[in-house]
N, C-alpha and C. Protein backbone atom coordinates (compact mmCIF):
# COMPACT_ATOMS: atom_id res chain seq x y z
N MET A 1 76.53 151.56 122.66
CA MET A 1 76.31 150.14 122.53
C MET A 1 75.75 149.63 123.85
N THR A 2 74.72 148.87 123.79
CA THR A 2 74.12 148.34 125.01
C THR A 2 74.63 146.95 125.25
N SER A 3 74.74 146.58 126.49
CA SER A 3 75.22 145.23 126.81
C SER A 3 74.07 144.26 126.68
N PRO A 4 74.34 143.01 126.48
CA PRO A 4 73.28 142.03 126.31
C PRO A 4 72.40 141.97 127.54
N GLY A 5 71.10 141.92 127.33
CA GLY A 5 70.16 141.76 128.41
C GLY A 5 69.72 143.07 129.05
N THR A 6 70.16 144.24 128.52
CA THR A 6 69.76 145.53 129.08
C THR A 6 69.21 146.40 127.98
N GLY A 7 68.41 147.36 128.32
CA GLY A 7 67.92 148.34 127.35
C GLY A 7 66.91 147.76 126.42
N SER A 8 66.70 148.44 125.28
CA SER A 8 65.68 148.05 124.32
C SER A 8 66.10 146.88 123.47
N ASN A 9 67.37 146.56 123.41
CA ASN A 9 67.84 145.43 122.61
C ASN A 9 67.88 144.16 123.44
N LYS A 10 66.88 143.96 124.25
CA LYS A 10 66.87 142.78 125.11
C LYS A 10 66.84 141.50 124.27
N GLY A 11 67.80 140.60 124.52
CA GLY A 11 67.88 139.36 123.75
C GLY A 11 68.72 139.50 122.50
N ALA A 12 69.01 140.70 122.05
CA ALA A 12 69.85 140.89 120.86
C ALA A 12 71.30 140.94 121.30
N TYR A 13 72.17 140.40 120.48
CA TYR A 13 73.59 140.36 120.82
C TYR A 13 74.31 141.44 120.05
N PRO A 14 75.24 142.12 120.69
CA PRO A 14 76.05 143.07 119.94
C PRO A 14 76.85 142.29 118.91
N PHE A 15 77.41 142.96 117.97
CA PHE A 15 78.14 142.29 116.90
C PHE A 15 79.30 141.50 117.46
N GLY A 16 79.78 141.87 118.59
CA GLY A 16 80.83 141.10 119.24
C GLY A 16 81.40 141.88 120.39
N LEU A 17 81.65 141.25 121.47
CA LEU A 17 82.29 141.88 122.60
C LEU A 17 83.78 141.75 122.40
N VAL A 18 84.50 142.84 122.36
CA VAL A 18 85.93 142.84 122.10
C VAL A 18 86.66 142.75 123.44
N THR A 19 87.56 141.79 123.54
CA THR A 19 88.37 141.62 124.75
C THR A 19 89.83 141.79 124.36
N SER A 20 90.74 141.47 125.27
CA SER A 20 92.16 141.61 124.98
C SER A 20 92.56 140.64 123.87
N ARG A 21 93.67 140.90 123.22
CA ARG A 21 94.20 140.12 122.10
C ARG A 21 93.22 140.04 120.95
N MET A 22 92.32 140.96 120.86
CA MET A 22 91.33 141.02 119.78
C MET A 22 90.44 139.78 119.74
N LEU A 23 90.21 139.18 120.90
CA LEU A 23 89.29 138.06 120.97
C LEU A 23 87.88 138.62 121.06
N GLU A 24 86.98 138.01 120.35
CA GLU A 24 85.59 138.43 120.36
C GLU A 24 84.74 137.28 120.87
N GLN A 25 83.72 137.61 121.63
CA GLN A 25 82.77 136.61 122.11
C GLN A 25 81.62 136.58 121.12
N LEU A 26 81.55 135.56 120.29
CA LEU A 26 80.54 135.47 119.24
C LEU A 26 79.75 134.18 119.37
N THR A 27 78.53 134.20 118.89
CA THR A 27 77.73 132.99 118.82
C THR A 27 78.09 132.24 117.54
N TYR A 28 77.62 131.00 117.44
CA TYR A 28 77.90 130.21 116.23
C TYR A 28 77.31 130.90 115.00
N THR A 29 76.15 131.49 115.14
CA THR A 29 75.51 132.17 114.01
C THR A 29 76.35 133.36 113.57
N GLN A 30 76.85 134.14 114.51
CA GLN A 30 77.67 135.30 114.16
C GLN A 30 78.98 134.88 113.51
N ILE A 31 79.58 133.81 114.02
CA ILE A 31 80.82 133.31 113.40
C ILE A 31 80.53 132.86 111.98
N GLY A 32 79.40 132.17 111.80
CA GLY A 32 79.03 131.71 110.46
C GLY A 32 78.82 132.86 109.50
N GLU A 33 78.18 133.95 109.97
CA GLU A 33 77.96 135.12 109.11
C GLU A 33 79.28 135.75 108.71
N ARG A 34 80.21 135.87 109.65
CA ARG A 34 81.49 136.52 109.37
C ARG A 34 82.37 135.67 108.45
N LEU A 35 82.29 134.36 108.59
CA LEU A 35 83.15 133.47 107.77
C LEU A 35 82.42 132.93 106.55
N ASN A 36 81.18 133.34 106.36
CA ASN A 36 80.37 132.87 105.23
C ASN A 36 80.21 131.35 105.23
N VAL A 37 79.89 130.82 106.40
CA VAL A 37 79.61 129.39 106.53
C VAL A 37 78.33 129.25 107.35
N SER A 38 77.80 128.05 107.40
CA SER A 38 76.59 127.82 108.19
C SER A 38 76.95 127.78 109.68
N SER A 39 75.95 127.79 110.53
CA SER A 39 76.22 127.73 111.97
C SER A 39 76.82 126.37 112.34
N ASP A 40 76.42 125.31 111.62
CA ASP A 40 77.02 124.00 111.85
C ASP A 40 78.50 124.00 111.44
N GLY A 41 78.78 124.70 110.33
CA GLY A 41 80.18 124.84 109.90
C GLY A 41 80.99 125.61 110.93
N ALA A 42 80.37 126.64 111.52
CA ALA A 42 81.05 127.41 112.57
C ALA A 42 81.31 126.52 113.78
N ARG A 43 80.36 125.67 114.14
CA ARG A 43 80.56 124.74 115.26
C ARG A 43 81.75 123.81 114.99
N ALA A 44 81.83 123.33 113.75
CA ALA A 44 82.93 122.44 113.38
C ALA A 44 84.27 123.17 113.47
N ILE A 45 84.30 124.43 113.04
CA ILE A 45 85.55 125.21 113.11
C ILE A 45 85.95 125.40 114.56
N VAL A 46 84.99 125.74 115.41
CA VAL A 46 85.28 125.94 116.83
C VAL A 46 85.79 124.65 117.45
N LYS A 47 85.16 123.54 117.13
CA LYS A 47 85.57 122.25 117.67
C LYS A 47 86.96 121.87 117.18
N ARG A 48 87.22 122.08 115.88
CA ARG A 48 88.50 121.73 115.29
C ARG A 48 89.65 122.54 115.90
N ASN A 49 89.39 123.82 116.17
CA ASN A 49 90.43 124.69 116.72
C ASN A 49 90.44 124.71 118.24
N ARG A 50 89.53 123.95 118.87
CA ARG A 50 89.46 123.83 120.32
C ARG A 50 89.40 125.20 120.99
N LEU A 51 88.50 126.01 120.51
CA LEU A 51 88.35 127.35 121.05
C LEU A 51 87.53 127.31 122.33
N PRO A 52 87.84 128.22 123.28
CA PRO A 52 87.10 128.22 124.56
C PRO A 52 85.66 128.70 124.36
N ARG A 53 84.73 128.04 125.04
CA ARG A 53 83.32 128.36 124.92
C ARG A 53 82.75 128.69 126.30
N SER A 54 81.71 129.50 126.29
CA SER A 54 80.99 129.81 127.52
C SER A 54 79.52 130.03 127.15
N HIS A 55 78.67 130.14 128.15
CA HIS A 55 77.24 130.33 127.91
C HIS A 55 76.81 131.67 128.48
N ASP A 56 75.92 132.36 127.74
CA ASP A 56 75.38 133.63 128.25
C ASP A 56 74.12 133.35 129.06
N LYS A 57 73.48 134.41 129.47
CA LYS A 57 72.30 134.28 130.32
C LYS A 57 71.14 133.60 129.61
N ASN A 58 71.07 133.74 128.30
CA ASN A 58 69.96 133.17 127.53
C ASN A 58 70.23 131.73 127.10
N GLY A 59 71.36 131.16 127.49
CA GLY A 59 71.66 129.78 127.13
C GLY A 59 72.39 129.64 125.80
N LYS A 60 72.69 130.75 125.14
CA LYS A 60 73.44 130.68 123.88
C LYS A 60 74.92 130.47 124.17
N THR A 61 75.57 129.77 123.28
CA THR A 61 77.00 129.51 123.46
C THR A 61 77.79 130.65 122.84
N LEU A 62 78.72 131.19 123.61
CA LEU A 62 79.63 132.23 123.14
C LEU A 62 81.02 131.62 123.02
N VAL A 63 81.69 131.98 121.94
CA VAL A 63 83.01 131.44 121.67
C VAL A 63 84.00 132.59 121.65
N ALA A 64 85.12 132.43 122.36
CA ALA A 64 86.19 133.42 122.32
C ALA A 64 87.02 133.13 121.09
N ILE A 65 86.98 134.04 120.12
CA ILE A 65 87.60 133.78 118.83
C ILE A 65 88.27 135.04 118.30
N ASP A 66 89.40 134.87 117.66
CA ASP A 66 90.08 135.94 116.93
C ASP A 66 89.93 135.61 115.45
N LEU A 67 89.00 136.27 114.80
CA LEU A 67 88.69 135.93 113.40
C LEU A 67 89.85 136.23 112.47
N ASP A 68 90.64 137.28 112.77
CA ASP A 68 91.78 137.59 111.90
C ASP A 68 92.80 136.45 111.90
N GLU A 69 93.05 135.90 113.09
CA GLU A 69 93.99 134.79 113.18
C GLU A 69 93.42 133.54 112.51
N LEU A 70 92.12 133.35 112.65
CA LEU A 70 91.47 132.19 112.05
C LEU A 70 91.47 132.27 110.53
N ARG A 71 91.31 133.49 110.01
CA ARG A 71 91.29 133.66 108.54
C ARG A 71 92.67 133.47 107.93
N SER A 72 93.70 133.88 108.63
CA SER A 72 95.06 133.75 108.09
C SER A 72 95.83 132.77 108.95
N PRO A 73 95.74 131.49 108.63
CA PRO A 73 96.41 130.48 109.44
C PRO A 73 97.93 130.64 109.34
N ARG A 74 98.60 130.15 110.36
CA ARG A 74 100.05 130.24 110.39
C ARG A 74 100.63 129.19 109.46
N ARG A 75 100.92 129.58 108.28
CA ARG A 75 101.49 128.66 107.30
C ARG A 75 102.78 129.24 106.76
N LEU A 76 103.63 128.36 106.32
CA LEU A 76 104.85 128.82 105.67
C LEU A 76 104.50 129.41 104.32
N PRO A 77 105.24 130.41 103.89
CA PRO A 77 104.99 130.92 102.54
C PRO A 77 105.19 129.81 101.52
N VAL A 78 104.52 129.92 100.40
CA VAL A 78 104.55 128.87 99.38
C VAL A 78 105.96 128.61 98.90
N THR A 79 106.76 129.66 98.76
CA THR A 79 108.13 129.47 98.27
C THR A 79 108.95 128.63 99.25
N ASP A 80 108.73 128.84 100.56
CA ASP A 80 109.44 128.04 101.55
C ASP A 80 109.00 126.58 101.49
N VAL A 81 107.73 126.35 101.29
CA VAL A 81 107.21 124.99 101.20
C VAL A 81 107.79 124.29 99.98
N VAL A 82 107.82 124.99 98.85
CA VAL A 82 108.35 124.40 97.62
C VAL A 82 109.83 124.09 97.78
N ALA A 83 110.57 125.02 98.37
CA ALA A 83 112.00 124.79 98.57
C ALA A 83 112.23 123.62 99.51
N THR A 84 111.44 123.53 100.56
CA THR A 84 111.56 122.43 101.51
C THR A 84 111.26 121.10 100.82
N LEU A 85 110.21 121.08 100.03
CA LEU A 85 109.84 119.84 99.32
C LEU A 85 110.90 119.45 98.31
N LYS A 86 111.45 120.42 97.58
CA LYS A 86 112.51 120.11 96.61
C LYS A 86 113.73 119.55 97.30
N ALA A 87 114.09 120.12 98.45
CA ALA A 87 115.24 119.60 99.19
C ALA A 87 114.97 118.18 99.67
N ARG A 88 113.77 117.92 100.12
CA ARG A 88 113.42 116.57 100.57
C ARG A 88 113.44 115.58 99.41
N ILE A 89 112.97 116.02 98.25
CA ILE A 89 112.98 115.16 97.05
C ILE A 89 114.42 114.81 96.69
N GLU A 90 115.31 115.80 96.72
CA GLU A 90 116.72 115.52 96.40
C GLU A 90 117.33 114.55 97.40
N GLN A 91 116.99 114.73 98.67
CA GLN A 91 117.49 113.83 99.71
C GLN A 91 116.99 112.41 99.48
N LEU A 92 115.72 112.28 99.15
CA LEU A 92 115.16 110.95 98.90
C LEU A 92 115.76 110.31 97.66
N GLU A 93 116.01 111.12 96.62
CA GLU A 93 116.64 110.57 95.41
C GLU A 93 118.05 110.08 95.70
N ALA A 94 118.80 110.82 96.54
CA ALA A 94 120.15 110.39 96.90
C ALA A 94 120.08 109.08 97.69
N GLU A 95 119.13 108.98 98.62
CA GLU A 95 118.96 107.74 99.37
C GLU A 95 118.59 106.58 98.45
N LEU A 96 117.73 106.86 97.47
CA LEU A 96 117.33 105.83 96.53
C LEU A 96 118.52 105.33 95.72
N ALA A 97 119.36 106.25 95.25
CA ALA A 97 120.54 105.86 94.48
C ALA A 97 121.48 105.00 95.33
N ALA A 98 121.67 105.37 96.59
CA ALA A 98 122.54 104.59 97.47
C ALA A 98 121.95 103.20 97.69
N GLU A 99 120.66 103.12 97.90
CA GLU A 99 120.02 101.82 98.10
C GLU A 99 120.07 100.96 96.84
N GLN A 100 119.97 101.58 95.67
CA GLN A 100 120.06 100.82 94.43
C GLN A 100 121.46 100.24 94.25
N GLN A 101 122.49 101.02 94.61
CA GLN A 101 123.86 100.50 94.52
C GLN A 101 124.04 99.33 95.49
N ARG A 102 123.54 99.51 96.70
CA ARG A 102 123.65 98.44 97.69
C ARG A 102 122.88 97.21 97.23
N SER A 103 121.74 97.44 96.62
CA SER A 103 120.92 96.34 96.11
C SER A 103 121.63 95.61 94.98
N ALA A 104 122.33 96.36 94.12
CA ALA A 104 123.06 95.72 93.02
C ALA A 104 124.14 94.79 93.57
N GLY A 105 124.82 95.22 94.63
CA GLY A 105 125.83 94.36 95.26
C GLY A 105 125.20 93.11 95.83
N HIS A 106 124.05 93.26 96.46
CA HIS A 106 123.35 92.10 97.00
C HIS A 106 122.88 91.18 95.89
N ARG A 107 122.46 91.75 94.78
CA ARG A 107 121.99 90.94 93.65
C ARG A 107 123.12 90.09 93.08
N ALA A 108 124.31 90.69 92.94
CA ALA A 108 125.46 89.94 92.42
C ALA A 108 125.81 88.80 93.38
N HIS A 109 125.78 89.07 94.67
CA HIS A 109 126.07 88.03 95.65
C HIS A 109 125.01 86.92 95.59
N TYR A 110 123.76 87.31 95.43
CA TYR A 110 122.67 86.34 95.32
C TYR A 110 122.87 85.46 94.09
N GLU A 111 123.20 86.05 92.94
CA GLU A 111 123.41 85.27 91.72
C GLU A 111 124.57 84.28 91.90
N HIS A 112 125.66 84.74 92.54
CA HIS A 112 126.81 83.86 92.77
C HIS A 112 126.41 82.68 93.64
N GLU A 113 125.69 82.96 94.73
CA GLU A 113 125.27 81.90 95.65
C GLU A 113 124.28 80.94 94.98
N ARG A 114 123.43 81.47 94.12
CA ARG A 114 122.48 80.60 93.43
C ARG A 114 123.21 79.65 92.48
N GLU A 115 124.19 80.16 91.75
CA GLU A 115 124.97 79.29 90.86
C GLU A 115 125.71 78.23 91.67
N ARG A 116 126.26 78.63 92.81
CA ARG A 116 126.96 77.68 93.67
C ARG A 116 126.01 76.60 94.20
N ALA A 117 124.81 77.00 94.59
CA ALA A 117 123.82 76.04 95.09
C ALA A 117 123.38 75.09 93.98
N ASP A 118 123.20 75.62 92.77
CA ASP A 118 122.84 74.76 91.63
C ASP A 118 123.94 73.73 91.36
N LEU A 119 125.19 74.17 91.41
CA LEU A 119 126.32 73.27 91.18
C LEU A 119 126.35 72.18 92.26
N LEU A 120 126.15 72.55 93.50
CA LEU A 120 126.13 71.56 94.58
C LEU A 120 124.96 70.58 94.42
N ALA A 121 123.81 71.09 93.98
CA ALA A 121 122.64 70.22 93.78
C ALA A 121 122.91 69.22 92.66
N ARG A 122 123.54 69.70 91.58
CA ARG A 122 123.86 68.76 90.49
C ARG A 122 124.87 67.71 90.95
N GLY A 123 125.86 68.12 91.75
CA GLY A 123 126.84 67.16 92.29
C GLY A 123 126.16 66.15 93.20
N HIS A 124 125.22 66.60 93.98
CA HIS A 124 124.49 65.70 94.87
C HIS A 124 123.68 64.69 94.06
N GLU A 125 123.04 65.17 93.00
CA GLU A 125 122.26 64.26 92.15
C GLU A 125 123.16 63.20 91.51
N LYS A 126 124.36 63.60 91.05
CA LYS A 126 125.29 62.65 90.45
C LYS A 126 125.72 61.59 91.47
N LEU A 127 126.04 62.05 92.68
CA LEU A 127 126.45 61.11 93.72
C LEU A 127 125.31 60.16 94.08
N ASP A 128 124.11 60.66 94.11
CA ASP A 128 122.95 59.82 94.41
C ASP A 128 122.76 58.74 93.34
N ILE A 129 122.92 59.11 92.08
CA ILE A 129 122.78 58.14 90.98
C ILE A 129 123.89 57.09 91.06
N GLN A 130 125.12 57.54 91.35
CA GLN A 130 126.22 56.59 91.47
C GLN A 130 126.00 55.62 92.63
N LEU A 131 125.46 56.14 93.75
CA LEU A 131 125.19 55.27 94.89
C LEU A 131 124.14 54.22 94.55
N LYS A 132 123.09 54.63 93.83
CA LYS A 132 122.07 53.66 93.42
C LYS A 132 122.66 52.59 92.50
N ASN A 133 123.52 53.01 91.57
CA ASN A 133 124.16 52.04 90.65
C ASN A 133 125.04 51.06 91.43
N LEU A 134 125.80 51.55 92.39
CA LEU A 134 126.66 50.66 93.18
C LEU A 134 125.83 49.67 93.98
N ARG A 135 124.70 50.12 94.54
CA ARG A 135 123.83 49.21 95.28
C ARG A 135 123.28 48.12 94.38
N LEU A 136 122.89 48.51 93.13
CA LEU A 136 122.38 47.50 92.19
C LEU A 136 123.46 46.48 91.83
N HIS A 137 124.70 46.97 91.59
CA HIS A 137 125.80 46.05 91.27
C HIS A 137 126.10 45.13 92.45
N LEU A 138 126.09 45.67 93.65
CA LEU A 138 126.34 44.86 94.83
C LEU A 138 125.26 43.80 95.00
N GLN A 139 124.01 44.21 94.80
CA GLN A 139 122.91 43.26 94.92
C GLN A 139 123.01 42.18 93.84
N ALA A 140 123.36 42.56 92.62
CA ALA A 140 123.51 41.57 91.54
C ALA A 140 124.65 40.61 91.83
N GLY A 141 125.75 41.14 92.38
CA GLY A 141 126.89 40.26 92.74
C GLY A 141 126.54 39.30 93.83
N ARG A 142 125.79 39.72 94.81
CA ARG A 142 125.39 38.82 95.90
C ARG A 142 124.44 37.74 95.38
N GLN A 143 123.56 38.12 94.46
CA GLN A 143 122.62 37.13 93.94
C GLN A 143 123.36 36.09 93.09
N ALA A 144 124.35 36.53 92.36
CA ALA A 144 125.11 35.58 91.53
C ALA A 144 125.95 34.65 92.40
N ALA A 145 126.47 35.15 93.49
CA ALA A 145 127.34 34.34 94.36
C ALA A 145 126.54 33.45 95.29
N ALA A 146 125.34 33.79 95.60
CA ALA A 146 124.55 33.00 96.55
C ALA A 146 123.99 31.76 95.88
N PRO A 147 123.94 30.63 96.61
CA PRO A 147 123.38 29.41 96.03
C PRO A 147 121.87 29.53 95.86
N ARG A 148 121.38 28.86 94.76
CA ARG A 148 119.96 29.00 94.44
C ARG A 148 119.15 27.84 95.00
N THR A 149 119.74 26.69 95.06
CA THR A 149 119.04 25.52 95.60
C THR A 149 119.87 24.92 96.73
N LEU A 150 119.32 23.91 97.36
CA LEU A 150 120.03 23.29 98.46
C LEU A 150 121.29 22.57 97.97
N ARG A 151 121.20 21.98 96.79
CA ARG A 151 122.36 21.29 96.22
C ARG A 151 123.45 22.30 95.90
N ASP A 152 123.03 23.46 95.32
CA ASP A 152 124.02 24.50 95.03
C ASP A 152 124.64 25.05 96.31
N CYS A 153 123.85 25.04 97.34
CA CYS A 153 124.34 25.54 98.63
C CYS A 153 125.47 24.63 99.13
N TRP A 154 125.31 23.27 99.01
CA TRP A 154 126.35 22.35 99.44
C TRP A 154 127.59 22.48 98.58
N ARG A 155 127.39 22.64 97.33
CA ARG A 155 128.55 22.81 96.43
C ARG A 155 129.31 24.07 96.77
N TRP A 156 128.55 25.11 97.04
CA TRP A 156 129.21 26.39 97.35
C TRP A 156 129.97 26.32 98.66
N LEU A 157 129.38 25.66 99.64
CA LEU A 157 130.06 25.52 100.93
C LEU A 157 131.32 24.67 100.80
N ARG A 158 131.28 23.60 99.99
CA ARG A 158 132.49 22.78 99.79
C ARG A 158 133.56 23.53 99.08
N ALA A 159 133.14 24.37 98.14
CA ALA A 159 134.14 25.12 97.37
C ALA A 159 134.79 26.21 98.22
N THR A 160 134.07 26.80 99.10
CA THR A 160 134.64 27.90 99.88
C THR A 160 135.22 27.44 101.18
N GLY A 161 134.89 26.31 101.60
CA GLY A 161 135.24 26.02 102.89
C GLY A 161 136.01 24.96 103.37
């Protein structure tokens, strides 16, 4: 295998330079060929995974990448995910039931307070009507007792005084 920039393969890149931890120095085009994506797609993958980049002598960008790790992402097995989700669903359902019970208690208290407020409002309305009636009676009594003319005024003063 010839190194880049030497021998008859001048300008051609080896399929990949293998370094420690199975990291390979690949161009975007080579990454795209290996992952069956376009070179723009390879750029997006490199950017998303924040992989280290460098430039070769010809100005091409080389990316240090472990394709095996990239192909098999670190994910939990499906059974673990399902079990975790089921446990979370049960936990949320228990919380929901507790909140519904608490809400029912609040609802009963709200209904009681609303009935009490309605009763107080009706009592206030009755007292207001009675006050208006008393004012009308008082005003009618004052008008009946007060003299209407000057002559009535003298008669009233003689009678009371």
